[in-house]
Each structure stands twice: as C-alpha cells, then as structure tokens.
N, C-alpha and C. Protein backbone atom coordinates (compact mmCIF):
# COMPACT_ATOMS: atom_id res chain seq x y z
N UNK A 1 -33.08 -76.74 -101.37
CA UNK A 1 -33.34 -75.52 -102.13
C UNK A 1 -32.53 -75.54 -103.43
N UNK A 2 -33.15 -75.10 -104.53
CA UNK A 2 -32.49 -75.10 -105.83
C UNK A 2 -31.91 -73.72 -106.14
N UNK A 3 -30.92 -73.71 -107.02
CA UNK A 3 -30.25 -72.46 -107.36
C UNK A 3 -31.21 -71.42 -107.92
N UNK A 4 -32.19 -71.87 -108.71
CA UNK A 4 -33.12 -70.95 -109.32
C UNK A 4 -33.90 -70.11 -108.32
N UNK A 5 -34.12 -70.64 -107.13
CA UNK A 5 -34.89 -69.91 -106.12
C UNK A 5 -34.02 -68.99 -105.28
N UNK A 6 -32.71 -69.10 -105.41
CA UNK A 6 -31.80 -68.33 -104.57
C UNK A 6 -30.98 -67.32 -105.36
N UNK A 7 -30.90 -67.49 -106.67
CA UNK A 7 -29.99 -66.69 -107.49
C UNK A 7 -30.39 -65.21 -107.52
N UNK A 8 -29.41 -64.38 -107.82
CA UNK A 8 -29.62 -62.97 -108.08
C UNK A 8 -29.91 -62.82 -109.56
N UNK A 9 -31.09 -62.31 -109.95
CA UNK A 9 -31.44 -62.20 -111.38
C UNK A 9 -30.48 -61.28 -112.13
N UNK A 10 -30.34 -61.53 -113.42
CA UNK A 10 -29.43 -60.73 -114.23
C UNK A 10 -29.83 -59.26 -114.29
N UNK A 11 -31.12 -58.96 -114.20
CA UNK A 11 -31.50 -57.55 -114.30
C UNK A 11 -30.96 -56.73 -113.14
N UNK A 12 -30.47 -57.39 -112.10
CA UNK A 12 -29.86 -56.69 -110.97
C UNK A 12 -28.34 -56.79 -110.98
N UNK A 13 -27.78 -57.53 -111.94
CA UNK A 13 -26.34 -57.77 -111.86
C UNK A 13 -25.59 -57.56 -113.17
N UNK A 14 -26.28 -57.09 -114.21
CA UNK A 14 -25.60 -56.88 -115.49
C UNK A 14 -24.93 -55.52 -115.55
N UNK A 15 -23.78 -55.48 -116.21
CA UNK A 15 -23.11 -54.21 -116.45
C UNK A 15 -22.46 -54.27 -117.83
N UNK A 16 -22.41 -53.16 -118.51
CA UNK A 16 -21.81 -53.12 -119.84
C UNK A 16 -20.30 -53.37 -119.75
N UNK A 17 -19.74 -54.14 -120.69
CA UNK A 17 -18.29 -54.35 -120.69
C UNK A 17 -17.52 -53.06 -120.98
N UNK A 18 -18.23 -52.02 -121.46
CA UNK A 18 -17.60 -50.73 -121.72
C UNK A 18 -17.58 -49.84 -120.48
N UNK A 19 -18.26 -50.26 -119.43
CA UNK A 19 -18.27 -49.47 -118.20
C UNK A 19 -16.86 -49.39 -117.63
N UNK A 20 -16.59 -48.32 -116.91
CA UNK A 20 -15.27 -48.12 -116.33
C UNK A 20 -15.20 -48.76 -114.93
N UNK A 21 -13.98 -48.84 -114.41
CA UNK A 21 -13.80 -49.38 -113.07
C UNK A 21 -14.58 -48.54 -112.06
N UNK A 22 -14.55 -47.22 -112.20
CA UNK A 22 -15.24 -46.37 -111.24
C UNK A 22 -16.76 -46.54 -111.33
N UNK A 23 -17.28 -46.71 -112.54
CA UNK A 23 -18.72 -46.92 -112.70
C UNK A 23 -19.16 -48.25 -112.09
N UNK A 24 -18.37 -49.29 -112.31
CA UNK A 24 -18.69 -50.60 -111.74
C UNK A 24 -18.58 -50.57 -110.22
N UNK A 25 -17.58 -49.87 -109.73
CA UNK A 25 -17.40 -49.76 -108.27
C UNK A 25 -18.63 -49.11 -107.63
N UNK A 26 -19.10 -48.02 -108.26
CA UNK A 26 -20.28 -47.33 -107.74
C UNK A 26 -21.51 -48.21 -107.78
N UNK A 27 -21.67 -48.96 -108.87
CA UNK A 27 -22.84 -49.84 -108.99
C UNK A 27 -22.79 -50.96 -107.97
N UNK A 28 -21.60 -51.50 -107.72
CA UNK A 28 -21.46 -52.56 -106.72
C UNK A 28 -21.81 -52.04 -105.34
N UNK A 29 -21.36 -50.84 -105.01
CA UNK A 29 -21.67 -50.26 -103.70
C UNK A 29 -23.17 -50.02 -103.55
N UNK A 30 -23.77 -49.46 -104.59
CA UNK A 30 -25.21 -49.14 -104.52
C UNK A 30 -26.05 -50.40 -104.36
N UNK A 31 -25.64 -51.48 -105.05
CA UNK A 31 -26.43 -52.71 -105.00
C UNK A 31 -25.98 -53.66 -103.91
N UNK A 32 -24.87 -53.33 -103.23
CA UNK A 32 -24.30 -54.17 -102.18
C UNK A 32 -24.05 -55.59 -102.71
N UNK A 33 -23.44 -55.66 -103.87
CA UNK A 33 -23.11 -56.93 -104.49
C UNK A 33 -21.62 -57.19 -104.39
N UNK A 34 -21.22 -58.43 -104.59
CA UNK A 34 -19.80 -58.75 -104.60
C UNK A 34 -19.29 -58.90 -106.02
N UNK A 35 -20.18 -59.03 -106.99
CA UNK A 35 -19.72 -59.22 -108.36
C UNK A 35 -20.83 -58.82 -109.33
N UNK A 36 -20.42 -58.61 -110.57
CA UNK A 36 -21.36 -58.27 -111.64
C UNK A 36 -21.10 -59.19 -112.82
N UNK A 37 -22.13 -59.46 -113.61
CA UNK A 37 -21.97 -60.21 -114.85
C UNK A 37 -21.86 -59.21 -115.99
N UNK A 38 -20.91 -59.40 -116.88
CA UNK A 38 -20.79 -58.51 -118.02
C UNK A 38 -21.96 -58.71 -118.97
N UNK A 39 -22.45 -57.63 -119.55
CA UNK A 39 -23.57 -57.67 -120.47
C UNK A 39 -23.06 -57.97 -121.88
N UNK A 40 -22.67 -59.20 -122.11
CA UNK A 40 -22.15 -59.61 -123.41
C UNK A 40 -22.53 -61.07 -123.66
N UNK A 41 -22.48 -61.49 -124.87
CA UNK A 41 -22.82 -62.87 -125.23
C UNK A 41 -21.61 -63.57 -125.84
N UNK A 42 -21.34 -64.84 -125.56
CA UNK A 42 -22.05 -65.60 -124.51
C UNK A 42 -21.60 -65.15 -123.13
N UNK A 43 -22.53 -65.16 -122.20
CA UNK A 43 -22.18 -64.76 -120.85
C UNK A 43 -21.41 -65.87 -120.16
N UNK A 44 -20.48 -65.49 -119.36
CA UNK A 44 -19.68 -66.47 -118.64
C UNK A 44 -18.56 -65.83 -117.86
N UNK A 45 -18.62 -64.49 -117.74
CA UNK A 45 -17.58 -63.78 -117.00
C UNK A 45 -18.21 -62.85 -115.96
N UNK A 46 -17.48 -62.65 -114.89
CA UNK A 46 -17.93 -61.75 -113.83
C UNK A 46 -16.83 -60.75 -113.51
N UNK A 47 -17.22 -59.72 -112.79
CA UNK A 47 -16.29 -58.72 -112.27
C UNK A 47 -16.50 -58.64 -110.77
N UNK A 48 -15.41 -58.76 -110.01
CA UNK A 48 -15.52 -58.75 -108.56
C UNK A 48 -15.09 -57.41 -107.98
N UNK A 49 -15.72 -57.03 -106.85
CA UNK A 49 -15.31 -55.82 -106.14
C UNK A 49 -13.83 -55.91 -105.77
N UNK A 50 -13.39 -57.07 -105.33
CA UNK A 50 -12.00 -57.22 -104.93
C UNK A 50 -11.05 -56.93 -106.09
N UNK A 51 -11.42 -57.37 -107.29
CA UNK A 51 -10.57 -57.12 -108.47
C UNK A 51 -10.49 -55.63 -108.77
N UNK A 52 -11.64 -54.95 -108.64
CA UNK A 52 -11.65 -53.51 -108.88
C UNK A 52 -10.73 -52.79 -107.89
N UNK A 53 -10.84 -53.14 -106.62
CA UNK A 53 -10.01 -52.50 -105.61
C UNK A 53 -8.54 -52.82 -105.79
N UNK A 54 -8.25 -54.06 -106.20
CA UNK A 54 -6.85 -54.44 -106.43
C UNK A 54 -6.23 -53.59 -107.53
N UNK A 55 -7.00 -53.31 -108.57
CA UNK A 55 -6.46 -52.52 -109.68
C UNK A 55 -6.38 -51.03 -109.35
N UNK A 56 -7.33 -50.52 -108.59
CA UNK A 56 -7.30 -49.11 -108.24
C UNK A 56 -6.30 -48.82 -107.13
N UNK A 57 -6.41 -49.55 -106.03
CA UNK A 57 -5.52 -49.31 -104.90
C UNK A 57 -4.12 -49.89 -105.16
N UNK A 58 -4.09 -51.04 -105.85
CA UNK A 58 -2.79 -51.67 -106.11
C UNK A 58 -1.87 -50.80 -106.93
N UNK A 59 -2.43 -50.07 -107.88
CA UNK A 59 -1.61 -49.18 -108.70
C UNK A 59 -0.95 -48.11 -107.84
N UNK A 60 -1.74 -47.51 -106.94
CA UNK A 60 -1.21 -46.47 -106.07
C UNK A 60 -0.13 -47.03 -105.15
N UNK A 61 -0.36 -48.21 -104.61
CA UNK A 61 0.60 -48.82 -103.70
C UNK A 61 1.93 -49.11 -104.38
N UNK A 62 1.89 -49.35 -105.69
CA UNK A 62 3.11 -49.66 -106.42
C UNK A 62 3.66 -48.45 -107.17
N UNK A 63 3.22 -47.26 -106.75
CA UNK A 63 3.77 -46.04 -107.31
C UNK A 63 3.27 -45.68 -108.69
N UNK A 64 2.19 -46.31 -109.13
CA UNK A 64 1.64 -45.99 -110.44
C UNK A 64 0.34 -45.20 -110.28
N UNK A 65 -0.09 -44.59 -111.36
CA UNK A 65 -1.33 -43.84 -111.33
C UNK A 65 -2.51 -44.76 -111.55
N UNK A 66 -3.49 -44.66 -110.67
CA UNK A 66 -4.70 -45.48 -110.81
C UNK A 66 -5.46 -45.07 -112.07
N UNK A 67 -6.11 -46.02 -112.69
CA UNK A 67 -6.84 -45.74 -113.93
C UNK A 67 -8.31 -46.11 -113.74
N UNK A 68 -9.11 -45.22 -113.11
CA UNK A 68 -10.53 -45.52 -112.88
C UNK A 68 -11.34 -45.58 -114.16
N UNK A 69 -10.79 -45.09 -115.28
CA UNK A 69 -11.52 -45.12 -116.55
C UNK A 69 -11.22 -46.36 -117.38
N UNK A 70 -10.49 -47.30 -116.82
CA UNK A 70 -10.19 -48.54 -117.52
C UNK A 70 -11.47 -49.35 -117.72
N UNK A 71 -11.70 -49.91 -118.92
CA UNK A 71 -12.91 -50.72 -119.15
C UNK A 71 -12.96 -51.93 -118.23
N UNK A 72 -14.12 -52.16 -117.68
CA UNK A 72 -14.29 -53.25 -116.71
C UNK A 72 -14.06 -54.63 -117.33
N UNK A 73 -14.28 -54.75 -118.64
CA UNK A 73 -14.12 -56.05 -119.30
C UNK A 73 -12.68 -56.55 -119.23
N UNK A 74 -11.73 -55.64 -119.05
CA UNK A 74 -10.31 -56.05 -119.05
C UNK A 74 -9.91 -56.78 -117.78
N UNK A 75 -10.75 -56.75 -116.74
CA UNK A 75 -10.41 -57.48 -115.51
C UNK A 75 -11.47 -58.53 -115.17
N UNK A 76 -12.29 -58.89 -116.16
CA UNK A 76 -13.33 -59.89 -115.93
C UNK A 76 -12.72 -61.29 -115.80
N UNK A 77 -13.41 -62.17 -115.10
CA UNK A 77 -12.94 -63.53 -114.85
C UNK A 77 -13.98 -64.55 -115.30
N UNK A 78 -13.51 -65.65 -115.85
CA UNK A 78 -14.41 -66.75 -116.22
C UNK A 78 -14.78 -67.53 -114.96
N UNK A 79 -16.03 -67.97 -114.88
CA UNK A 79 -16.50 -68.73 -113.74
C UNK A 79 -17.35 -69.91 -114.21
N UNK A 80 -17.66 -70.79 -113.27
CA UNK A 80 -18.49 -71.95 -113.57
C UNK A 80 -19.94 -71.53 -113.82
N UNK A 81 -20.64 -72.32 -114.63
CA UNK A 81 -22.07 -72.13 -114.83
C UNK A 81 -22.79 -73.41 -114.41
N UNK A 82 -23.79 -73.28 -113.58
CA UNK A 82 -24.56 -74.42 -113.09
C UNK A 82 -26.03 -74.26 -113.49
N UNK A 83 -26.75 -75.36 -113.67
CA UNK A 83 -28.18 -75.27 -114.02
C UNK A 83 -29.01 -74.79 -112.84
N UNK A 84 -30.08 -74.07 -113.14
CA UNK A 84 -30.92 -73.55 -112.07
C UNK A 84 -31.63 -74.66 -111.30
N UNK A 85 -31.67 -75.86 -111.87
CA UNK A 85 -32.30 -76.99 -111.18
C UNK A 85 -31.34 -77.70 -110.23
N UNK A 86 -30.07 -77.24 -110.18
CA UNK A 86 -29.09 -77.88 -109.29
C UNK A 86 -29.35 -77.45 -107.85
N UNK A 87 -29.06 -78.32 -106.89
CA UNK A 87 -29.23 -77.94 -105.47
C UNK A 87 -28.20 -76.90 -105.07
N UNK A 88 -28.52 -76.08 -104.08
CA UNK A 88 -27.64 -75.01 -103.64
C UNK A 88 -26.30 -75.56 -103.16
N UNK A 89 -26.28 -76.82 -102.71
CA UNK A 89 -25.03 -77.40 -102.24
C UNK A 89 -23.96 -77.42 -103.33
N UNK A 90 -24.38 -77.54 -104.60
CA UNK A 90 -23.41 -77.54 -105.69
C UNK A 90 -22.72 -76.18 -105.80
N UNK A 91 -23.49 -75.11 -105.64
CA UNK A 91 -22.90 -73.77 -105.67
C UNK A 91 -22.01 -73.55 -104.46
N UNK A 92 -22.45 -74.07 -103.30
CA UNK A 92 -21.64 -73.91 -102.09
C UNK A 92 -20.27 -74.55 -102.27
N UNK A 93 -20.23 -75.75 -102.85
CA UNK A 93 -18.95 -76.43 -103.07
C UNK A 93 -18.08 -75.64 -104.03
N UNK A 94 -18.69 -75.08 -105.08
CA UNK A 94 -17.92 -74.29 -106.05
C UNK A 94 -17.35 -73.04 -105.40
N UNK A 95 -18.13 -72.39 -104.54
CA UNK A 95 -17.66 -71.18 -103.89
C UNK A 95 -16.61 -71.47 -102.84
N UNK A 96 -16.71 -72.59 -102.15
CA UNK A 96 -15.68 -72.94 -101.17
C UNK A 96 -14.36 -73.21 -101.89
N UNK A 97 -14.45 -73.79 -103.09
CA UNK A 97 -13.22 -74.06 -103.86
C UNK A 97 -12.57 -72.78 -104.33
N UNK A 98 -13.39 -71.75 -104.62
CA UNK A 98 -12.86 -70.50 -105.17
C UNK A 98 -13.48 -69.34 -104.39
N UNK A 99 -12.96 -69.08 -103.20
CA UNK A 99 -13.55 -68.05 -102.34
C UNK A 99 -13.63 -66.68 -103.00
N UNK A 100 -14.65 -65.95 -102.60
CA UNK A 100 -14.88 -64.57 -103.04
C UNK A 100 -15.30 -64.46 -104.49
N UNK A 101 -15.74 -65.54 -105.09
CA UNK A 101 -16.20 -65.48 -106.47
C UNK A 101 -17.69 -65.78 -106.51
N UNK A 102 -18.14 -66.25 -107.65
CA UNK A 102 -19.56 -66.55 -107.82
C UNK A 102 -19.70 -67.65 -108.86
N UNK A 103 -20.89 -68.20 -108.97
CA UNK A 103 -21.20 -69.12 -110.07
C UNK A 103 -22.38 -68.55 -110.82
N UNK A 104 -22.39 -68.74 -112.13
CA UNK A 104 -23.51 -68.31 -112.94
C UNK A 104 -24.56 -69.41 -112.99
N UNK A 105 -25.81 -69.03 -113.17
CA UNK A 105 -26.93 -69.97 -113.17
C UNK A 105 -27.60 -69.93 -114.55
N UNK A 106 -27.79 -71.10 -115.16
CA UNK A 106 -28.37 -71.18 -116.50
C UNK A 106 -29.75 -71.83 -116.45
N UNK A 107 -30.60 -71.45 -117.42
CA UNK A 107 -31.92 -72.06 -117.52
C UNK A 107 -31.83 -73.37 -118.31
N UNK A 108 -32.98 -73.95 -118.61
CA UNK A 108 -33.01 -75.26 -119.28
C UNK A 108 -32.44 -75.21 -120.70
N UNK A 109 -32.38 -74.01 -121.29
CA UNK A 109 -31.82 -73.86 -122.63
C UNK A 109 -30.34 -73.51 -122.60
N UNK A 110 -29.77 -73.44 -121.39
CA UNK A 110 -28.35 -73.13 -121.26
C UNK A 110 -28.02 -71.66 -121.23
N UNK A 111 -29.06 -70.79 -121.23
CA UNK A 111 -28.84 -69.36 -121.19
C UNK A 111 -28.63 -68.91 -119.73
N UNK A 112 -27.64 -68.07 -119.51
CA UNK A 112 -27.38 -67.56 -118.17
C UNK A 112 -28.51 -66.63 -117.75
N UNK A 113 -29.08 -66.89 -116.58
CA UNK A 113 -30.22 -66.10 -116.11
C UNK A 113 -29.98 -65.46 -114.74
N UNK A 114 -28.86 -65.77 -114.11
CA UNK A 114 -28.58 -65.19 -112.80
C UNK A 114 -27.24 -65.63 -112.28
N UNK A 115 -26.96 -65.28 -111.03
CA UNK A 115 -25.72 -65.70 -110.40
C UNK A 115 -25.96 -65.97 -108.92
N UNK A 116 -25.09 -66.77 -108.35
CA UNK A 116 -25.09 -67.03 -106.92
C UNK A 116 -23.69 -66.74 -106.40
N UNK A 117 -23.61 -65.79 -105.49
CA UNK A 117 -22.33 -65.45 -104.86
C UNK A 117 -22.45 -65.58 -103.36
N UNK A 118 -21.48 -65.03 -102.65
CA UNK A 118 -21.51 -65.14 -101.19
C UNK A 118 -22.73 -64.50 -100.54
N UNK A 119 -23.22 -63.35 -101.01
CA UNK A 119 -24.41 -62.80 -100.36
C UNK A 119 -25.61 -63.75 -100.39
N UNK A 120 -25.81 -64.41 -101.55
CA UNK A 120 -26.93 -65.35 -101.66
C UNK A 120 -26.68 -66.60 -100.82
N UNK A 121 -25.44 -67.08 -100.84
CA UNK A 121 -25.13 -68.27 -100.05
C UNK A 121 -25.24 -68.00 -98.56
N UNK A 122 -24.80 -66.82 -98.13
CA UNK A 122 -24.91 -66.47 -96.72
C UNK A 122 -26.38 -66.37 -96.30
N UNK A 123 -27.22 -65.86 -97.18
CA UNK A 123 -28.66 -65.80 -96.88
C UNK A 123 -29.20 -67.21 -96.66
N UNK A 124 -28.74 -68.15 -97.49
CA UNK A 124 -29.17 -69.53 -97.36
C UNK A 124 -28.73 -70.10 -96.01
N UNK A 125 -27.46 -69.84 -95.64
CA UNK A 125 -26.97 -70.31 -94.35
C UNK A 125 -27.76 -69.70 -93.20
N UNK A 126 -28.03 -68.41 -93.31
CA UNK A 126 -28.79 -67.74 -92.25
C UNK A 126 -30.17 -68.37 -92.07
N UNK A 127 -30.79 -68.74 -93.20
CA UNK A 127 -32.12 -69.33 -93.15
C UNK A 127 -32.09 -70.70 -92.48
N UNK A 128 -31.13 -71.54 -92.89
CA UNK A 128 -31.13 -72.90 -92.34
C UNK A 128 -30.63 -72.93 -90.90
N UNK A 129 -29.81 -71.94 -90.51
CA UNK A 129 -29.33 -71.88 -89.13
C UNK A 129 -30.26 -71.06 -88.24
N UNK A 130 -31.20 -70.31 -88.89
CA UNK A 130 -32.15 -69.48 -88.16
C UNK A 130 -31.42 -68.49 -87.26
N UNK A 131 -30.44 -67.80 -87.85
CA UNK A 131 -29.63 -66.84 -87.10
C UNK A 131 -30.17 -65.43 -87.31
N UNK A 132 -30.44 -64.71 -86.22
CA UNK A 132 -30.88 -63.32 -86.30
C UNK A 132 -29.89 -62.43 -85.54
N UNK A 133 -29.69 -61.24 -86.04
CA UNK A 133 -28.86 -60.25 -85.37
C UNK A 133 -27.47 -60.79 -85.04
N UNK A 134 -26.85 -61.42 -86.01
CA UNK A 134 -25.52 -61.97 -85.80
C UNK A 134 -24.61 -61.56 -86.95
N UNK A 135 -23.33 -61.50 -86.66
CA UNK A 135 -22.31 -61.24 -87.67
C UNK A 135 -21.58 -62.53 -87.94
N UNK A 136 -21.40 -62.85 -89.21
CA UNK A 136 -20.66 -64.06 -89.56
C UNK A 136 -19.22 -63.71 -89.89
N UNK A 137 -18.30 -64.48 -89.39
CA UNK A 137 -16.88 -64.28 -89.64
C UNK A 137 -16.37 -65.49 -90.42
N UNK A 138 -15.88 -65.26 -91.64
CA UNK A 138 -15.32 -66.33 -92.47
C UNK A 138 -13.80 -66.29 -92.36
N UNK A 139 -13.17 -67.44 -92.30
CA UNK A 139 -11.71 -67.45 -92.19
C UNK A 139 -11.15 -68.79 -92.66
N UNK A 140 -9.87 -68.79 -93.02
CA UNK A 140 -9.18 -70.01 -93.41
C UNK A 140 -8.78 -70.78 -92.17
N UNK A 141 -8.93 -72.09 -92.23
CA UNK A 141 -8.57 -72.97 -91.12
C UNK A 141 -7.65 -74.07 -91.66
N UNK A 142 -6.51 -74.27 -91.03
CA UNK A 142 -5.63 -75.35 -91.45
C UNK A 142 -6.29 -76.69 -91.23
N UNK A 143 -6.07 -77.63 -92.15
CA UNK A 143 -6.68 -78.95 -92.03
C UNK A 143 -5.86 -79.80 -91.07
N UNK A 144 -5.92 -79.41 -89.80
CA UNK A 144 -5.20 -80.10 -88.73
C UNK A 144 -6.10 -80.26 -87.52
N UNK A 145 -5.93 -81.31 -86.73
CA UNK A 145 -6.77 -81.48 -85.55
C UNK A 145 -6.66 -80.30 -84.60
N UNK A 146 -7.78 -79.84 -84.11
CA UNK A 146 -7.79 -78.80 -83.10
C UNK A 146 -7.79 -77.37 -83.60
N UNK A 147 -7.71 -77.16 -84.93
CA UNK A 147 -7.63 -75.78 -85.43
C UNK A 147 -8.94 -75.02 -85.23
N UNK A 148 -10.07 -75.67 -85.51
CA UNK A 148 -11.35 -74.98 -85.31
C UNK A 148 -11.58 -74.74 -83.81
N UNK A 149 -11.17 -75.69 -82.99
CA UNK A 149 -11.30 -75.52 -81.54
C UNK A 149 -10.46 -74.33 -81.07
N UNK A 150 -9.29 -74.16 -81.68
CA UNK A 150 -8.43 -73.02 -81.32
C UNK A 150 -9.10 -71.70 -81.70
N UNK A 151 -9.78 -71.68 -82.87
CA UNK A 151 -10.49 -70.48 -83.29
C UNK A 151 -11.63 -70.17 -82.32
N UNK A 152 -12.38 -71.19 -81.94
CA UNK A 152 -13.49 -70.99 -81.01
C UNK A 152 -12.99 -70.52 -79.65
N UNK A 153 -11.85 -71.05 -79.22
CA UNK A 153 -11.30 -70.64 -77.93
C UNK A 153 -10.88 -69.17 -77.97
N UNK A 154 -10.32 -68.74 -79.10
CA UNK A 154 -9.90 -67.34 -79.23
C UNK A 154 -11.11 -66.41 -79.14
N UNK A 155 -12.21 -66.81 -79.79
CA UNK A 155 -13.42 -65.98 -79.75
C UNK A 155 -14.04 -66.02 -78.35
N UNK A 156 -14.06 -67.19 -77.74
CA UNK A 156 -14.65 -67.32 -76.41
C UNK A 156 -13.90 -66.49 -75.38
N UNK A 157 -12.59 -66.33 -75.58
CA UNK A 157 -11.78 -65.56 -74.64
C UNK A 157 -12.17 -64.09 -74.60
N UNK A 158 -12.86 -63.62 -75.65
CA UNK A 158 -13.32 -62.23 -75.68
C UNK A 158 -14.65 -62.05 -74.95
N UNK A 159 -15.26 -63.16 -74.56
CA UNK A 159 -16.56 -63.11 -73.91
C UNK A 159 -17.72 -63.18 -74.87
N UNK A 160 -17.43 -63.35 -76.17
CA UNK A 160 -18.49 -63.43 -77.17
C UNK A 160 -19.22 -64.76 -77.06
N UNK A 161 -20.53 -64.72 -77.23
CA UNK A 161 -21.34 -65.93 -77.19
C UNK A 161 -21.52 -66.44 -78.62
N UNK A 162 -20.80 -67.50 -78.98
CA UNK A 162 -20.88 -68.05 -80.33
C UNK A 162 -22.27 -68.63 -80.57
N UNK A 163 -22.92 -68.20 -81.65
CA UNK A 163 -24.29 -68.64 -81.92
C UNK A 163 -24.36 -69.83 -82.87
N UNK A 164 -23.38 -69.97 -83.76
CA UNK A 164 -23.34 -71.10 -84.69
C UNK A 164 -21.97 -71.15 -85.34
N UNK A 165 -21.61 -72.31 -85.86
CA UNK A 165 -20.33 -72.47 -86.55
C UNK A 165 -20.53 -73.35 -87.78
N UNK A 166 -19.60 -73.23 -88.70
CA UNK A 166 -19.60 -74.09 -89.89
C UNK A 166 -18.16 -74.34 -90.27
N UNK A 167 -17.85 -75.58 -90.70
CA UNK A 167 -16.51 -75.94 -91.15
C UNK A 167 -16.64 -76.74 -92.43
N UNK A 168 -15.96 -76.27 -93.48
CA UNK A 168 -16.07 -76.93 -94.78
C UNK A 168 -15.26 -78.21 -94.84
N UNK A 169 -15.47 -78.99 -95.90
CA UNK A 169 -14.59 -80.10 -96.19
C UNK A 169 -13.22 -79.55 -96.58
N UNK A 170 -12.15 -80.35 -96.42
CA UNK A 170 -10.81 -79.85 -96.76
C UNK A 170 -10.62 -79.65 -98.25
N UNK A 171 -9.87 -78.61 -98.59
CA UNK A 171 -9.44 -78.33 -99.96
C UNK A 171 -7.93 -78.17 -99.89
N UNK A 172 -7.20 -79.22 -100.26
CA UNK A 172 -5.76 -79.21 -100.06
C UNK A 172 -5.49 -79.30 -98.57
N UNK A 173 -4.69 -78.38 -98.03
CA UNK A 173 -4.39 -78.39 -96.60
C UNK A 173 -5.20 -77.34 -95.84
N UNK A 174 -6.27 -76.82 -96.48
CA UNK A 174 -7.06 -75.77 -95.85
C UNK A 174 -8.54 -76.15 -95.80
N UNK A 175 -9.22 -75.60 -94.83
CA UNK A 175 -10.67 -75.61 -94.77
C UNK A 175 -11.13 -74.16 -94.64
N UNK A 176 -12.41 -73.92 -94.79
CA UNK A 176 -12.99 -72.61 -94.55
C UNK A 176 -13.96 -72.73 -93.38
N UNK A 177 -13.78 -71.85 -92.41
CA UNK A 177 -14.63 -71.87 -91.24
C UNK A 177 -15.50 -70.63 -91.14
N UNK A 178 -16.63 -70.76 -90.47
CA UNK A 178 -17.53 -69.63 -90.23
C UNK A 178 -17.96 -69.68 -88.77
N UNK A 179 -17.88 -68.54 -88.11
CA UNK A 179 -18.37 -68.41 -86.74
C UNK A 179 -19.35 -67.25 -86.69
N UNK A 180 -20.53 -67.49 -86.13
CA UNK A 180 -21.54 -66.44 -85.96
C UNK A 180 -21.47 -65.93 -84.52
N UNK A 181 -21.35 -64.61 -84.38
CA UNK A 181 -21.32 -63.99 -83.05
C UNK A 181 -22.30 -62.83 -83.03
N UNK A 182 -22.75 -62.39 -81.86
CA UNK A 182 -23.62 -61.21 -81.79
C UNK A 182 -22.94 -60.00 -82.43
N UNK A 183 -23.74 -59.13 -83.02
CA UNK A 183 -23.19 -57.96 -83.72
C UNK A 183 -22.25 -57.14 -82.83
N UNK A 184 -22.62 -56.96 -81.56
CA UNK A 184 -21.81 -56.10 -80.70
C UNK A 184 -20.50 -56.76 -80.28
N UNK A 185 -20.32 -58.04 -80.60
CA UNK A 185 -19.08 -58.73 -80.26
C UNK A 185 -18.21 -58.97 -81.48
N UNK A 186 -18.68 -58.53 -82.65
CA UNK A 186 -17.98 -58.85 -83.90
C UNK A 186 -16.58 -58.27 -83.95
N UNK A 187 -16.42 -57.03 -83.54
CA UNK A 187 -15.11 -56.37 -83.64
C UNK A 187 -14.05 -57.09 -82.80
N UNK A 188 -14.38 -57.40 -81.55
CA UNK A 188 -13.42 -58.07 -80.67
C UNK A 188 -13.17 -59.50 -81.14
N UNK A 189 -14.20 -60.18 -81.66
CA UNK A 189 -14.02 -61.55 -82.15
C UNK A 189 -13.14 -61.56 -83.38
N UNK A 190 -13.34 -60.59 -84.27
CA UNK A 190 -12.51 -60.49 -85.48
C UNK A 190 -11.04 -60.25 -85.10
N UNK A 191 -10.82 -59.36 -84.15
CA UNK A 191 -9.45 -59.08 -83.70
C UNK A 191 -8.82 -60.31 -83.05
N UNK A 192 -9.62 -61.07 -82.30
CA UNK A 192 -9.11 -62.26 -81.63
C UNK A 192 -8.68 -63.32 -82.65
N UNK A 193 -9.49 -63.51 -83.69
CA UNK A 193 -9.14 -64.48 -84.72
C UNK A 193 -7.87 -64.07 -85.47
N UNK A 194 -7.78 -62.79 -85.79
CA UNK A 194 -6.58 -62.30 -86.48
C UNK A 194 -5.37 -62.46 -85.58
N UNK A 195 -5.51 -62.12 -84.30
CA UNK A 195 -4.40 -62.26 -83.36
C UNK A 195 -3.96 -63.70 -83.17
N UNK A 196 -4.89 -64.64 -83.38
CA UNK A 196 -4.55 -66.06 -83.24
C UNK A 196 -3.95 -66.64 -84.53
N UNK A 197 -3.81 -65.78 -85.54
CA UNK A 197 -3.17 -66.23 -86.77
C UNK A 197 -4.09 -66.71 -87.87
N UNK A 198 -5.40 -66.47 -87.71
CA UNK A 198 -6.34 -66.88 -88.75
C UNK A 198 -6.53 -65.75 -89.76
N UNK A 199 -6.62 -66.14 -91.03
CA UNK A 199 -6.81 -65.16 -92.11
C UNK A 199 -8.30 -65.04 -92.40
N UNK A 200 -8.86 -63.85 -92.11
CA UNK A 200 -10.28 -63.63 -92.33
C UNK A 200 -10.56 -63.30 -93.79
N UNK A 201 -11.73 -63.73 -94.26
CA UNK A 201 -12.16 -63.50 -95.63
C UNK A 201 -13.28 -62.48 -95.60
N UNK A 202 -13.13 -61.38 -96.30
CA UNK A 202 -14.16 -60.34 -96.31
C UNK A 202 -15.37 -60.80 -97.09
C-alpha cells in the first residue's frame, strides 16, 4: 500500500497558524486526530495534541497560568515529508523513530497534500492483521531477550486472550511493541503492563 492511498487529506487537517491552543484542541477532539498541519507555505510543520496538553496542563502543574489564547504556530514542530508514491512501510519506520508524531505526504511536484500519523498507520495494521473489536496497546520494550515474552505473560495473567502482537526493530536500546486484546479486557491488560514496568504510549 502506498502513502497516497492511506494519508489524511489536507482539507481535513489544516489549521490557521493564528488559531489559539484552545481552538486547535477543540478541532483535534472533533476530528479525532493526533495532529494538524499549519495552513502556511511552505508546509512542513505540525501541531500535536500532546504538545497542546503539555502547554496547557504543564503551565498549571508548574504554578503558572495556562494561556489557551497562545497562537498554535508557536508550538509547531518540523517533521519529515515523504512522497505519496512511497510504500507505507517508510512512514511506519519514521513514526517508530519518532513516536506520537506524523509524516507529511507530498505529490509529484513536492507540494504537501496530506499526512500520515498513528490513526492512519493503526488502520493499516488493523487491515493487514484483520483485527475486529480489539483494543491495541502500544508500549516501549527494552531491547533485551525475553522482554516481549514478559509483556505477553503479564497480559495473559489477567485472562485476556491476545489476538495479535507486533514488535518493531530496535531503536537504540528500545523497541516498540503492540498487543491487541478484546475491548473488554483492555483496562486490565493496560494495568498489567504498567504494573510490569512497561511504559504505554497513548
């Protein structure tokens, strides 16, 4: 599958750089997206939900006043741009290297026409694994023998029936793992992984 067939089009992900943190937060919730592309040229920056929350909640946690009217462009991040003719595996590798972000997708003229983030990549995984009615749990796994087996054992101890798993190639001393469990077992499986010392990725 190529990026062009999986990407989220810009008409669903553009936001003005003059928009405030609160406006971007609302748009992200309404569209159930993890990031937005700023509506500016040349395009090459995104805004993540996590960044918005870090600035709003982080200010309060550190005794400062949150600033929901801050322009969203001030917390934008530069990301990679890949051609729409590239295979989805290229985006997957980029996202594994930089979790919780996205890659922009360009047409044959080099113009950005969309983005691929975790929601699109997860849809791809769901399709190739043919998983229905399951919750996926993403987490960091140490690049050591037996770590994924330890995660699976923790989930199995809850009585959850694991439907599928995925383990990335190593990046430094870490890998990223995914375990699919039935929806009704997700809460206990998530707690088991956290209790076993694994850091879950939202």
